[in-house]
Amino acid sequence: MASIAITVLLGICLCYISVAQGEDTMKMVERVMRTCRDRYKIQTSDIETAIKNKKLPQDEKGRGFLMCIIKEVGFNQLKNMIRSGNRVKGDMAALIELPEFEKELDETSAHMAIA
């Protein structure tokens, strides 16, 4: 199951992708965060805790949120960003670089294909 810490990836990925696509980064991040917050009830405190602990807690909301990110950003784009760690900076990088993060992404993607 995915983690709420995965929300951290959203901002990072969308920053790179939206710049490439010419869309305003903050608008894109706000739009996706609003959708996922309303749909999956993810709180800001959950994200802050995940960053502070630098680990991926297990949670059903996390899987739902990751599915939302995959739909918005694209699986291959996410995999490329995870693998090119030099593009990820700051406190959030520690979460994305965890080996289990990529595993969570793969499992969620497989779950989406089955559903």
PDB file of N, CA and C in Angstrom:
ATOM      1  N   MET A   1       0.842  -1.177   0.000  1.00  0.00           N
ATOM      2  CA  MET A   1       0.000   0.000   0.000  1.00  0.00           C
ATOM      3  C   MET A   1       0.887   1.240   0.000  1.00  0.00           C
ATOM      4  N   ALA A   2       0.377   2.265  -0.561  1.00  0.00           N
ATOM      5  CA  ALA A   2       1.160   3.485  -0.705  1.00  0.00           C
ATOM      6  C   ALA A   2       1.113   4.330   0.551  1.00  0.00           C
ATOM      7  N   SER A   3       1.872   5.364   0.524  1.00  0.00           N
ATOM      8  CA  SER A   3       2.043   6.197   1.707  1.00  0.00           C
ATOM      9  C   SER A   3       1.540   7.607   1.476  1.00  0.00           C
ATOM     10  N   ILE A   4       1.162   8.218   2.562  1.00  0.00           N
ATOM     11  CA  ILE A   4       0.790   9.623   2.465  1.00  0.00           C
ATOM     12  C   ILE A   4       2.014  10.451   2.123  1.00  0.00           C
ATOM     13  N   ALA A   5       3.172   9.948   2.442  1.00  0.00           N
ATOM     14  CA  ALA A   5       4.401  10.667   2.100  1.00  0.00           C
ATOM     15  C   ALA A   5       4.528  10.871   0.602  1.00  0.00           C
ATOM     16  N   ILE A   6       3.802  10.119  -0.165  1.00  0.00           N
ATOM     17  CA  ILE A   6       3.855  10.241  -1.611  1.00  0.00           C
ATOM     18  C   ILE A   6       3.342  11.602  -2.058  1.00  0.00           C
ATOM     19  N   THR A   7       2.552  12.248  -1.238  1.00  0.00           N
ATOM     20  CA  THR A   7       2.078  13.585  -1.593  1.00  0.00           C
ATOM     21  C   THR A   7       3.247  14.526  -1.822  1.00  0.00           C
ATOM     22  N   VAL A   8       4.340  14.256  -1.143  1.00  0.00           N
ATOM     23  CA  VAL A   8       5.536  15.063  -1.292  1.00  0.00           C
ATOM     24  C   VAL A   8       6.010  15.044  -2.733  1.00  0.00           C
ATOM     25  N   LEU A   9       5.918  13.905  -3.373  1.00  0.00           N
ATOM     26  CA  LEU A   9       6.369  13.782  -4.753  1.00  0.00           C
ATOM     27  C   LEU A   9       5.567  14.667  -5.686  1.00  0.00           C
ATOM     28  N   LEU A  10       4.322  14.859  -5.393  1.00  0.00           N
ATOM     29  CA  LEU A  10       3.452  15.613  -6.282  1.00  0.00           C
ATOM     30  C   LEU A  10       4.006  16.996  -6.583  1.00  0.00           C
ATOM     31  N   GLY A  11       4.318  17.749  -5.556  1.00  0.00           N
ATOM     32  CA  GLY A  11       4.827  19.100  -5.765  1.00  0.00           C
ATOM     33  C   GLY A  11       6.098  19.113  -6.581  1.00  0.00           C
ATOM     34  N   ILE A  12       6.992  18.188  -6.283  1.00  0.00           N
ATOM     35  CA  ILE A  12       8.266  18.123  -6.988  1.00  0.00           C
ATOM     36  C   ILE A  12       8.057  17.783  -8.454  1.00  0.00           C
ATOM     37  N   CYS A  13       7.286  16.737  -8.710  1.00  0.00           N
ATOM     38  CA  CYS A  13       7.049  16.310 -10.092  1.00  0.00           C
ATOM     39  C   CYS A  13       6.332  17.388 -10.884  1.00  0.00           C
ATOM     40  N   LEU A  14       5.306  17.942 -10.292  1.00  0.00           N
ATOM     41  CA  LEU A  14       4.526  18.931 -11.015  1.00  0.00           C
ATOM     42  C   LEU A  14       5.335  20.185 -11.313  1.00  0.00           C
ATOM     43  N   CYS A  15       6.277  20.509 -10.452  1.00  0.00           N
ATOM     44  CA  CYS A  15       7.132  21.667 -10.722  1.00  0.00           C
ATOM     45  C   CYS A  15       7.909  21.454 -12.016  1.00  0.00           C
ATOM     46  N   TYR A  16       8.513  20.282 -12.166  1.00  0.00           N
ATOM     47  CA  TYR A  16       9.293  20.010 -13.368  1.00  0.00           C
ATOM     48  C   TYR A  16       8.403  19.885 -14.593  1.00  0.00           C
ATOM     49  N   ILE A  17       7.300  19.177 -14.455  1.00  0.00           N
ATOM     50  CA  ILE A  17       6.426  18.927 -15.595  1.00  0.00           C
ATOM     51  C   ILE A  17       5.725  20.195 -16.041  1.00  0.00           C
ATOM     52  N   SER A  18       5.188  20.952 -15.105  1.00  0.00           N
ATOM     53  CA  SER A  18       4.435  22.142 -15.483  1.00  0.00           C
ATOM     54  C   SER A  18       5.329  23.187 -16.136  1.00  0.00           C
ATOM     55  N   VAL A  19       6.572  23.285 -15.693  1.00  0.00           N
ATOM     56  CA  VAL A  19       7.490  24.223 -16.336  1.00  0.00           C
ATOM     57  C   VAL A  19       7.708  23.792 -17.778  1.00  0.00           C
ATOM     58  N   ALA A  20       7.875  22.496 -17.987  1.00  0.00           N
ATOM     59  CA  ALA A  20       8.090  21.978 -19.333  1.00  0.00           C
ATOM     60  C   ALA A  20       6.865  22.206 -20.216  1.00  0.00           C
ATOM     61  N   GLN A  21       5.681  22.136 -19.621  1.00  0.00           N
ATOM     62  CA  GLN A  21       4.454  22.284 -20.396  1.00  0.00           C
ATOM     63  C   GLN A  21       3.974  23.729 -20.441  1.00  0.00           C
ATOM     64  N   GLY A  22       4.637  24.617 -19.743  1.00  0.00           N
ATOM     65  CA  GLY A  22       4.262  26.017 -19.763  1.00  0.00           C
ATOM     66  C   GLY A  22       3.085  26.359 -18.865  1.00  0.00           C
ATOM     67  N   GLU A  23       2.616  25.425 -18.069  1.00  0.00           N
ATOM     68  CA  GLU A  23       1.504  25.705 -17.160  1.00  0.00           C
ATOM     69  C   GLU A  23       2.059  26.300 -15.874  1.00  0.00           C
ATOM     70  N   ASP A  24       1.310  27.205 -15.274  1.00  0.00           N
ATOM     71  CA  ASP A  24       1.733  27.804 -14.018  1.00  0.00           C
ATOM     72  C   ASP A  24       1.845  26.715 -12.958  1.00  0.00           C
ATOM     73  N   THR A  25       3.032  26.568 -12.377  1.00  0.00           N
ATOM     74  CA  THR A  25       3.304  25.496 -11.420  1.00  0.00           C
ATOM     75  C   THR A  25       2.358  25.524 -10.237  1.00  0.00           C
ATOM     76  N   MET A  26       2.208  26.676  -9.621  1.00  0.00           N
ATOM     77  CA  MET A  26       1.377  26.752  -8.422  1.00  0.00           C
ATOM     78  C   MET A  26      -0.075  26.406  -8.714  1.00  0.00           C
ATOM     79  N   LYS A  27      -0.584  26.830  -9.856  1.00  0.00           N
ATOM     80  CA  LYS A  27      -1.974  26.509 -10.201  1.00  0.00           C
ATOM     81  C   LYS A  27      -2.151  25.009 -10.364  1.00  0.00           C
ATOM     82  N   MET A  28      -1.188  24.365 -11.015  1.00  0.00           N
ATOM     83  CA  MET A  28      -1.288  22.927 -11.229  1.00  0.00           C
ATOM     84  C   MET A  28      -1.203  22.177  -9.904  1.00  0.00           C
ATOM     85  N   VAL A  29      -0.254  22.559  -9.059  1.00  0.00           N
ATOM     86  CA  VAL A  29      -0.116  21.908  -7.759  1.00  0.00           C
ATOM     87  C   VAL A  29      -1.376  22.105  -6.933  1.00  0.00           C
ATOM     88  N   GLU A  30      -1.887  23.323  -6.902  1.00  0.00           N
ATOM     89  CA  GLU A  30      -3.100  23.605  -6.127  1.00  0.00           C
ATOM     90  C   GLU A  30      -4.283  22.786  -6.625  1.00  0.00           C
ATOM     91  N   ARG A  31      -4.427  22.685  -7.942  1.00  0.00           N
ATOM     92  CA  ARG A  31      -5.548  21.938  -8.521  1.00  0.00           C
ATOM     93  C   ARG A  31      -5.495  20.465  -8.116  1.00  0.00           C
ATOM     94  N   VAL A  32      -4.336  19.851  -8.262  1.00  0.00           N
ATOM     95  CA  VAL A  32      -4.218  18.431  -7.934  1.00  0.00           C
ATOM     96  C   VAL A  32      -4.336  18.216  -6.429  1.00  0.00           C
ATOM     97  N   MET A  33      -3.707  19.081  -5.644  1.00  0.00           N
ATOM     98  CA  MET A  33      -3.801  18.941  -4.187  1.00  0.00           C
ATOM     99  C   MET A  33      -5.242  19.076  -3.710  1.00  0.00           C
ATOM    100  N   ARG A  34      -5.977  20.021  -4.273  1.00  0.00           N
ATOM    101  CA  ARG A  34      -7.373  20.219  -3.883  1.00  0.00           C
ATOM    102  C   ARG A  34      -8.202  18.970  -4.209  1.00  0.00           C
ATOM    103  N   THR A  35      -8.026  18.447  -5.410  1.00  0.00           N
ATOM    104  CA  THR A  35      -8.756  17.244  -5.809  1.00  0.00           C
ATOM    105  C   THR A  35      -8.456  16.092  -4.869  1.00  0.00           C
ATOM    106  N   CYS A  36      -7.181  15.875  -4.602  1.00  0.00           N
ATOM    107  CA  CYS A  36      -6.790  14.737  -3.775  1.00  0.00           C
ATOM    108  C   CYS A  36      -7.146  14.944  -2.310  1.00  0.00           C
ATOM    109  N   ARG A  37      -7.073  16.171  -1.842  1.00  0.00           N
ATOM    110  CA  ARG A  37      -7.458  16.450  -0.456  1.00  0.00           C
ATOM    111  C   ARG A  37      -8.956  16.191  -0.279  1.00  0.00           C
ATOM    112  N   ASP A  38      -9.753  16.635  -1.239  1.00  0.00           N
ATOM    113  CA  ASP A  38     -11.202  16.437  -1.150  1.00  0.00           C
ATOM    114  C   ASP A  38     -11.570  14.967  -1.307  1.00  0.00           C
ATOM    115  N   ARG A  39     -10.929  14.301  -2.245  1.00  0.00           N
ATOM    116  CA  ARG A  39     -11.276  12.909  -2.532  1.00  0.00           C
ATOM    117  C   ARG A  39     -10.715  11.939  -1.505  1.00  0.00           C
ATOM    118  N   TYR A  40      -9.453  12.161  -1.077  1.00  0.00           N
ATOM    119  CA  TYR A  40      -8.786  11.195  -0.204  1.00  0.00           C
ATOM    120  C   TYR A  40      -8.582  11.685   1.220  1.00  0.00           C
ATOM    121  N   LYS A  41      -9.036  12.894   1.522  1.00  0.00           N
ATOM    122  CA  LYS A  41      -9.009  13.448   2.890  1.00  0.00           C
ATOM    123  C   LYS A  41      -7.602  13.469   3.485  1.00  0.00           C
ATOM    124  N   ILE A  42      -6.635  13.873   2.714  1.00  0.00           N
ATOM    125  CA  ILE A  42      -5.258  13.943   3.193  1.00  0.00           C
ATOM    126  C   ILE A  42      -4.999  15.324   3.784  1.00  0.00           C
ATOM    127  N   GLN A  43      -4.484  15.353   4.985  1.00  0.00           N
ATOM    128  CA  GLN A  43      -4.250  16.594   5.717  1.00  0.00           C
ATOM    129  C   GLN A  43      -2.800  17.057   5.551  1.00  0.00           C
ATOM    130  N   THR A  44      -2.597  18.348   5.655  1.00  0.00           N
ATOM    131  CA  THR A  44      -1.248  18.910   5.579  1.00  0.00           C
ATOM    132  C   THR A  44      -0.353  18.331   6.665  1.00  0.00           C
ATOM    133  N   SER A  45      -0.918  18.099   7.840  1.00  0.00           N
ATOM    134  CA  SER A  45      -0.122  17.549   8.945  1.00  0.00           C
ATOM    135  C   SER A  45       0.425  16.161   8.607  1.00  0.00           C
ATOM    136  N   ASP A  46      -0.322  15.382   7.819  1.00  0.00           N
ATOM    137  CA  ASP A  46       0.160  14.060   7.395  1.00  0.00           C
ATOM    138  C   ASP A  46       1.407  14.198   6.528  1.00  0.00           C
ATOM    139  N   ILE A  47       1.389  15.178   5.659  1.00  0.00           N
ATOM    140  CA  ILE A  47       2.535  15.406   4.779  1.00  0.00           C
ATOM    141  C   ILE A  47       3.742  15.855   5.601  1.00  0.00           C
ATOM    142  N   GLU A  48       3.509  16.787   6.516  1.00  0.00           N
ATOM    143  CA  GLU A  48       4.600  17.296   7.345  1.00  0.00           C
ATOM    144  C   GLU A  48       5.217  16.194   8.198  1.00  0.00           C
ATOM    145  N   THR A  49       4.380  15.319   8.737  1.00  0.00           N
ATOM    146  CA  THR A  49       4.873  14.201   9.547  1.00  0.00           C
ATOM    147  C   THR A  49       5.722  13.263   8.702  1.00  0.00           C
ATOM    148  N   ALA A  50       5.268  12.986   7.496  1.00  0.00           N
ATOM    149  CA  ALA A  50       6.014  12.096   6.609  1.00  0.00           C
ATOM    150  C   ALA A  50       7.385  12.676   6.284  1.00  0.00           C
ATOM    151  N   ILE A  51       7.434  13.972   6.021  1.00  0.00           N
ATOM    152  CA  ILE A  51       8.718  14.610   5.721  1.00  0.00           C
ATOM    153  C   ILE A  51       9.629  14.560   6.943  1.00  0.00           C
ATOM    154  N   LYS A  52       9.074  14.880   8.102  1.00  0.00           N
ATOM    155  CA  LYS A  52       9.864  14.890   9.339  1.00  0.00           C
ATOM    156  C   LYS A  52      10.435  13.505   9.639  1.00  0.00           C
ATOM    157  N   ASN A  53       9.610  12.461   9.485  1.00  0.00           N
ATOM    158  CA  ASN A  53      10.033  11.094   9.796  1.00  0.00           C
ATOM    159  C   ASN A  53      10.842  10.453   8.679  1.00  0.00           C
ATOM    160  N   LYS A  54      10.794  11.022   7.487  1.00  0.00           N
ATOM    161  CA  LYS A  54      11.491  10.480   6.319  1.00  0.00           C
ATOM    162  C   LYS A  54      11.204   8.997   6.135  1.00  0.00           C
ATOM    163  N   LYS A  55       9.941   8.649   6.200  1.00  0.00           N
ATOM    164  CA  LYS A  55       9.549   7.262   5.956  1.00  0.00           C
ATOM    165  C   LYS A  55       8.165   7.223   5.343  1.00  0.00           C
ATOM    166  N   LEU A  56       7.827   6.090   4.791  1.00  0.00           N
ATOM    167  CA  LEU A  56       6.561   5.910   4.106  1.00  0.00           C
ATOM    168  C   LEU A  56       5.585   5.135   4.981  1.00  0.00           C
ATOM    169  N   PRO A  57       4.709   5.825   5.692  1.00  0.00           N
ATOM    170  CA  PRO A  57       3.715   5.099   6.490  1.00  0.00           C
ATOM    171  C   PRO A  57       2.712   4.398   5.583  1.00  0.00           C
ATOM    172  N   GLN A  58       2.199   3.267   6.030  1.00  0.00           N
ATOM    173  CA  GLN A  58       1.233   2.507   5.238  1.00  0.00           C
ATOM    174  C   GLN A  58      -0.160   3.073   5.464  1.00  0.00           C
ATOM    175  N   ASP A  59      -0.892   3.314   4.395  1.00  0.00           N
ATOM    176  CA  ASP A  59      -2.207   3.910   4.533  1.00  0.00           C
ATOM    177  C   ASP A  59      -2.985   3.753   3.230  1.00  0.00           C
ATOM    178  N   GLU A  60      -4.261   3.443   3.313  1.00  0.00           N
ATOM    179  CA  GLU A  60      -5.113   3.344   2.130  1.00  0.00           C
ATOM    180  C   GLU A  60      -5.231   4.683   1.421  1.00  0.00           C
ATOM    181  N   LYS A  61      -5.278   5.765   2.183  1.00  0.00           N
ATOM    182  CA  LYS A  61      -5.364   7.089   1.572  1.00  0.00           C
ATOM    183  C   LYS A  61      -4.149   7.330   0.689  1.00  0.00           C
ATOM    184  N   GLY A  62      -3.026   6.824   1.124  1.00  0.00           N
ATOM    185  CA  GLY A  62      -1.805   6.988   0.349  1.00  0.00           C
ATOM    186  C   GLY A  62      -1.913   6.337  -1.017  1.00  0.00           C
ATOM    187  N   ARG A  63      -2.491   5.155  -1.065  1.00  0.00           N
ATOM    188  CA  ARG A  63      -2.658   4.485  -2.360  1.00  0.00           C
ATOM    189  C   ARG A  63      -3.596   5.288  -3.252  1.00  0.00           C
ATOM    190  N   GLY A  64      -4.680   5.757  -2.690  1.00  0.00           N
ATOM    191  CA  GLY A  64      -5.613   6.558  -3.482  1.00  0.00           C
ATOM    192  C   GLY A  64      -4.959   7.818  -4.016  1.00  0.00           C
ATOM    193  N   PHE A  65      -4.159   8.433  -3.177  1.00  0.00           N
ATOM    194  CA  PHE A  65      -3.500   9.659  -3.592  1.00  0.00           C
ATOM    195  C   PHE A  65      -2.469   9.384  -4.673  1.00  0.00           C
ATOM    196  N   LEU A  66      -1.735   8.289  -4.526  1.00  0.00           N
ATOM    197  CA  LEU A  66      -0.750   7.939  -5.544  1.00  0.00           C
ATOM    198  C   LEU A  66      -1.437   7.666  -6.875  1.00  0.00           C
ATOM    199  N   MET A  67      -2.607   7.039  -6.832  1.00  0.00           N
ATOM    200  CA  MET A  67      -3.355   6.796  -8.067  1.00  0.00           C
ATOM    201  C   MET A  67      -3.706   8.129  -8.733  1.00  0.00           C
ATOM    202  N   CYS A  68      -4.076   9.093  -7.926  1.00  0.00           N
ATOM    203  CA  CYS A  68      -4.393  10.424  -8.440  1.00  0.00           C
ATOM    204  C   CYS A  68      -3.163  11.050  -9.096  1.00  0.00           C
ATOM    205  N   ILE A  69      -2.023  10.924  -8.450  1.00  0.00           N
ATOM    206  CA  ILE A  69      -0.787  11.484  -9.006  1.00  0.00           C
ATOM    207  C   ILE A  69      -0.440  10.800 -10.323  1.00  0.00           C
ATOM    208  N   ILE A  70      -0.557   9.476 -10.363  1.00  0.00           N
ATOM    209  CA  ILE A  70      -0.236   8.741 -11.590  1.00  0.00           C
ATOM    210  C   ILE A  70      -1.127   9.210 -12.733  1.00  0.00           C
ATOM    211  N   LYS A  71      -2.400   9.407 -12.444  1.00  0.00           N
ATOM    212  CA  LYS A  71      -3.321   9.861 -13.489  1.00  0.00           C
ATOM    213  C   LYS A  71      -2.972  11.269 -13.966  1.00  0.00           C
ATOM    214  N   GLU A  72      -2.577  12.139 -13.038  1.00  0.00           N
ATOM    215  CA  GLU A  72      -2.271  13.523 -13.392  1.00  0.00           C
ATOM    216  C   GLU A  72      -0.922  13.666 -14.093  1.00  0.00           C
ATOM    217  N   VAL A  73       0.083  12.972 -13.592  1.00  0.00           N
ATOM    218  CA  VAL A  73       1.449  13.175 -14.059  1.00  0.00           C
ATOM    219  C   VAL A  73       1.859  12.135 -15.093  1.00  0.00           C
ATOM    220  N   GLY A  74       1.456  10.898 -14.890  1.00  0.00           N
ATOM    221  CA  GLY A  74       1.845   9.820 -15.790  1.00  0.00           C
ATOM    222  C   GLY A  74       2.898   8.926 -15.156  1.00  0.00           C
ATOM    223  N   PHE A  75       2.697   7.627 -15.269  1.00  0.00           N
ATOM    224  CA  PHE A  75       3.569   6.645 -14.628  1.00  0.00           C
ATOM    225  C   PHE A  75       5.014   6.764 -15.111  1.00  0.00           C
ATOM    226  N   ASN A  76       5.222   6.782 -16.408  1.00  0.00           N
ATOM    227  CA  ASN A  76       6.587   6.828 -16.941  1.00  0.00           C
ATOM    228  C   ASN A  76       7.313   8.101 -16.526  1.00  0.00           C
ATOM    229  N   GLN A  77       6.588   9.199 -16.498  1.00  0.00           N
ATOM    230  CA  GLN A  77       7.182  10.467 -16.072  1.00  0.00           C
ATOM    231  C   GLN A  77       7.641  10.378 -14.614  1.00  0.00           C
ATOM    232  N   LEU A  78       6.803   9.766 -13.773  1.00  0.00           N
ATOM    233  CA  LEU A  78       7.165   9.606 -12.362  1.00  0.00           C
ATOM    234  C   LEU A  78       8.395   8.721 -12.203  1.00  0.00           C
ATOM    235  N   LYS A  79       8.418   7.604 -12.916  1.00  0.00           N
ATOM    236  CA  LYS A  79       9.561   6.690 -12.824  1.00  0.00           C
ATOM    237  C   LYS A  79      10.853   7.405 -13.239  1.00  0.00           C
ATOM    238  N   ASN A  80      10.786   8.182 -14.299  1.00  0.00           N
ATOM    239  CA  ASN A  80      11.971   8.912 -14.758  1.00  0.00           C
ATOM    240  C   ASN A  80      12.453   9.896 -13.708  1.00  0.00           C
ATOM    241  N   MET A  81      11.515  10.562 -13.046  1.00  0.00           N
ATOM    242  CA  MET A  81      11.904  11.540 -12.032  1.00  0.00           C
ATOM    243  C   MET A  81      12.496  10.871 -10.802  1.00  0.00           C
ATOM    244  N   ILE A  82      11.975   9.712 -10.444  1.00  0.00           N
ATOM    245  CA  ILE A  82      12.524   8.980  -9.306  1.00  0.00           C
ATOM    246  C   ILE A  82      13.953   8.550  -9.616  1.00  0.00           C
ATOM    247  N   ARG A  83      14.162   8.064 -10.827  1.00  0.00           N
ATOM    248  CA  ARG A  83      15.479   7.554 -11.203  1.00  0.00           C
ATOM    249  C   ARG A  83      16.507   8.656 -11.408  1.00  0.00           C
ATOM    250  N   SER A  84      16.070   9.850 -11.760  1.00  0.00           N
ATOM    251  CA  SER A  84      17.021  10.950 -11.956  1.00  0.00           C
ATOM    252  C   SER A  84      17.034  11.810 -10.703  1.00  0.00           C
ATOM    253  N   GLY A  85      17.519  11.248  -9.618  1.00  0.00           N
ATOM    254  CA  GLY A  85      17.506  11.891  -8.311  1.00  0.00           C
ATOM    255  C   GLY A  85      18.200  13.236  -8.253  1.00  0.00           C
ATOM    256  N   ASN A  86      19.062  13.504  -9.211  1.00  0.00           N
ATOM    257  CA  ASN A  86      19.754  14.792  -9.188  1.00  0.00           C
ATOM    258  C   ASN A  86      18.808  15.962  -9.455  1.00  0.00           C
ATOM    259  N   ARG A  87      17.594  15.686  -9.928  1.00  0.00           N
ATOM    260  CA  ARG A  87      16.622  16.748 -10.185  1.00  0.00           C
ATOM    261  C   ARG A  87      15.781  17.045  -8.951  1.00  0.00           C
ATOM    262  N   VAL A  88      15.907  16.230  -7.927  1.00  0.00           N
ATOM    263  CA  VAL A  88      15.090  16.393  -6.724  1.00  0.00           C
ATOM    264  C   VAL A  88      15.963  16.962  -5.617  1.00  0.00           C
ATOM    265  N   LYS A  89      15.544  18.072  -5.063  1.00  0.00           N
ATOM    266  CA  LYS A  89      16.351  18.752  -4.044  1.00  0.00           C
ATOM    267  C   LYS A  89      15.537  18.966  -2.773  1.00  0.00           C
ATOM    268  N   GLY A  90      16.229  19.240  -1.680  1.00  0.00           N
ATOM    269  CA  GLY A  90      15.574  19.639  -0.444  1.00  0.00           C
ATOM    270  C   GLY A  90      15.152  18.486   0.441  1.00  0.00           C
ATOM    271  N   ASP A  91      14.355  18.821   1.454  1.00  0.00           N
ATOM    272  CA  ASP A  91      13.915  17.846   2.450  1.00  0.00           C
ATOM    273  C   ASP A  91      13.148  16.688   1.835  1.00  0.00           C
ATOM    274  N   MET A  92      12.441  16.949   0.744  1.00  0.00           N
ATOM    275  CA  MET A  92      11.579  15.930   0.164  1.00  0.00           C
ATOM    276  C   MET A  92      12.361  14.848  -0.557  1.00  0.00           C
ATOM    277  N   ALA A  93      13.574  15.138  -0.947  1.00  0.00           N
ATOM    278  CA  ALA A  93      14.375  14.173  -1.693  1.00  0.00           C
ATOM    279  C   ALA A  93      14.578  12.884  -0.912  1.00  0.00           C
ATOM    280  N   ALA A  94      14.726  12.984   0.400  1.00  0.00           N
ATOM    281  CA  ALA A  94      14.962  11.793   1.221  1.00  0.00           C
ATOM    282  C   ALA A  94      13.813  10.799   1.107  1.00  0.00           C
ATOM    283  N   LEU A  95      12.594  11.284   0.974  1.00  0.00           N
ATOM    284  CA  LEU A  95      11.450  10.380   0.839  1.00  0.00           C
ATOM    285  C   LEU A  95      11.439   9.706  -0.520  1.00  0.00           C
ATOM    286  N   ILE A  96      11.701  10.462  -1.557  1.00  0.00           N
ATOM    287  CA  ILE A  96      11.623   9.937  -2.916  1.00  0.00           C
ATOM    288  C   ILE A  96      12.734   8.940  -3.184  1.00  0.00           C
ATOM    289  N   GLU A  97      13.875   9.127  -2.542  1.00  0.00           N
ATOM    290  CA  GLU A  97      15.011   8.252  -2.785  1.00  0.00           C
ATOM    291  C   GLU A  97      14.925   6.933  -2.031  1.00  0.00           C
ATOM    292  N   LEU A  98      13.938   6.780  -1.154  1.00  0.00           N
ATOM    293  CA  LEU A  98      13.781   5.512  -0.444  1.00  0.00           C
ATOM    294  C   LEU A  98      13.458   4.406  -1.439  1.00  0.00           C
ATOM    295  N   PRO A  99      14.100   3.233  -1.317  1.00  0.00           N
ATOM    296  CA  PRO A  99      13.835   2.137  -2.250  1.00  0.00           C
ATOM    297  C   PRO A  99      12.364   1.735  -2.274  1.00  0.00           C
ATOM    298  N   GLU A 100      11.703   1.803  -1.124  1.00  0.00           N
ATOM    299  CA  GLU A 100      10.305   1.377  -1.091  1.00  0.00           C
ATOM    300  C   GLU A 100       9.382   2.329  -1.843  1.00  0.00           C
ATOM    301  N   PHE A 101       9.832   3.540  -2.104  1.00  0.00           N
ATOM    302  CA  PHE A 101       8.973   4.479  -2.817  1.00  0.00           C
ATOM    303  C   PHE A 101       8.690   3.986  -4.229  1.00  0.00           C
ATOM    304  N   GLU A 102       9.737   3.575  -4.938  1.00  0.00           N
ATOM    305  CA  GLU A 102       9.547   3.089  -6.304  1.00  0.00           C
ATOM    306  C   GLU A 102       8.719   1.811  -6.301  1.00  0.00           C
ATOM    307  N   LYS A 103       8.912   0.973  -5.299  1.00  0.00           N
ATOM    308  CA  LYS A 103       8.115  -0.253  -5.169  1.00  0.00           C
ATOM    309  C   LYS A 103       6.638   0.095  -4.999  1.00  0.00           C
ATOM    310  N   GLU A 104       6.349   1.101  -4.165  1.00  0.00           N
ATOM    311  CA  GLU A 104       4.967   1.534  -3.964  1.00  0.00           C
ATOM    312  C   GLU A 104       4.364   2.019  -5.279  1.00  0.00           C
ATOM    313  N   LEU A 105       5.140   2.748  -6.038  1.00  0.00           N
ATOM    314  CA  LEU A 105       4.671   3.257  -7.321  1.00  0.00           C
ATOM    315  C   LEU A 105       4.338   2.103  -8.262  1.00  0.00           C
ATOM    316  N   ASP A 106       5.219   1.105  -8.330  1.00  0.00           N
ATOM    317  CA  ASP A 106       4.984  -0.056  -9.189  1.00  0.00           C
ATOM    318  C   ASP A 106       3.736  -0.819  -8.768  1.00  0.00           C
ATOM    319  N   GLU A 107       3.582  -1.044  -7.462  1.00  0.00           N
ATOM    320  CA  GLU A 107       2.429  -1.796  -6.964  1.00  0.00           C
ATOM    321  C   GLU A 107       1.124  -1.054  -7.219  1.00  0.00           C
ATOM    322  N   THR A 108       1.134   0.236  -7.025  1.00  0.00           N
ATOM    323  CA  THR A 108      -0.078   1.020  -7.249  1.00  0.00           C
ATOM    324  C   THR A 108      -0.442   1.037  -8.720  1.00  0.00           C
ATOM    325  N   SER A 109       0.551   1.158  -9.564  1.00  0.00           N
ATOM    326  CA  SER A 109       0.306   1.139 -11.001  1.00  0.00           C
ATOM    327  C   SER A 109      -0.292  -0.198 -11.430  1.00  0.00           C
ATOM    328  N   ALA A 110       0.219  -1.299 -10.880  1.00  0.00           N
ATOM    329  CA  ALA A 110      -0.330  -2.626 -11.187  1.00  0.00           C
ATOM    330  C   ALA A 110      -1.764  -2.736 -10.685  1.00  0.00           C
ATOM    331  N   HIS A 111      -2.023  -2.194  -9.508  1.00  0.00           N
ATOM    332  CA  HIS A 111      -3.368  -2.208  -8.929  1.00  0.00           C
ATOM    333  C   HIS A 111      -4.344  -1.447  -9.831  1.00  0.00           C
ATOM    334  N   MET A 112      -3.895  -0.326 -10.389  1.00  0.00           N
ATOM    335  CA  MET A 112      -4.742   0.465 -11.275  1.00  0.00           C
ATOM    336  C   MET A 112      -5.052  -0.300 -12.551  1.00  0.00           C
ATOM    337  N   ALA A 113      -4.078  -1.045 -13.060  1.00  0.00           N
ATOM    338  CA  ALA A 113      -4.281  -1.802 -14.292  1.00  0.00           C
ATOM    339  C   ALA A 113      -5.299  -2.916 -14.097  1.00  0.00           C
ATOM    340  N   ILE A 114      -5.304  -3.507 -12.906  1.00  0.00           N
ATOM    341  CA  ILE A 114      -6.241  -4.594 -12.601  1.00  0.00           C
ATOM    342  C   ILE A 114      -7.650  -4.054 -12.412  1.00  0.00           C
ATOM    343  N   ALA A 115      -7.755  -2.916 -11.749  1.00  0.00           N
ATOM    344  CA  ALA A 115      -9.070  -2.350 -11.408  1.00  0.00           C
ATOM    345  C   ALA A 115      -9.848  -1.874 -12.603  1.00  0.00           C
TER     346      ALA A 115
END
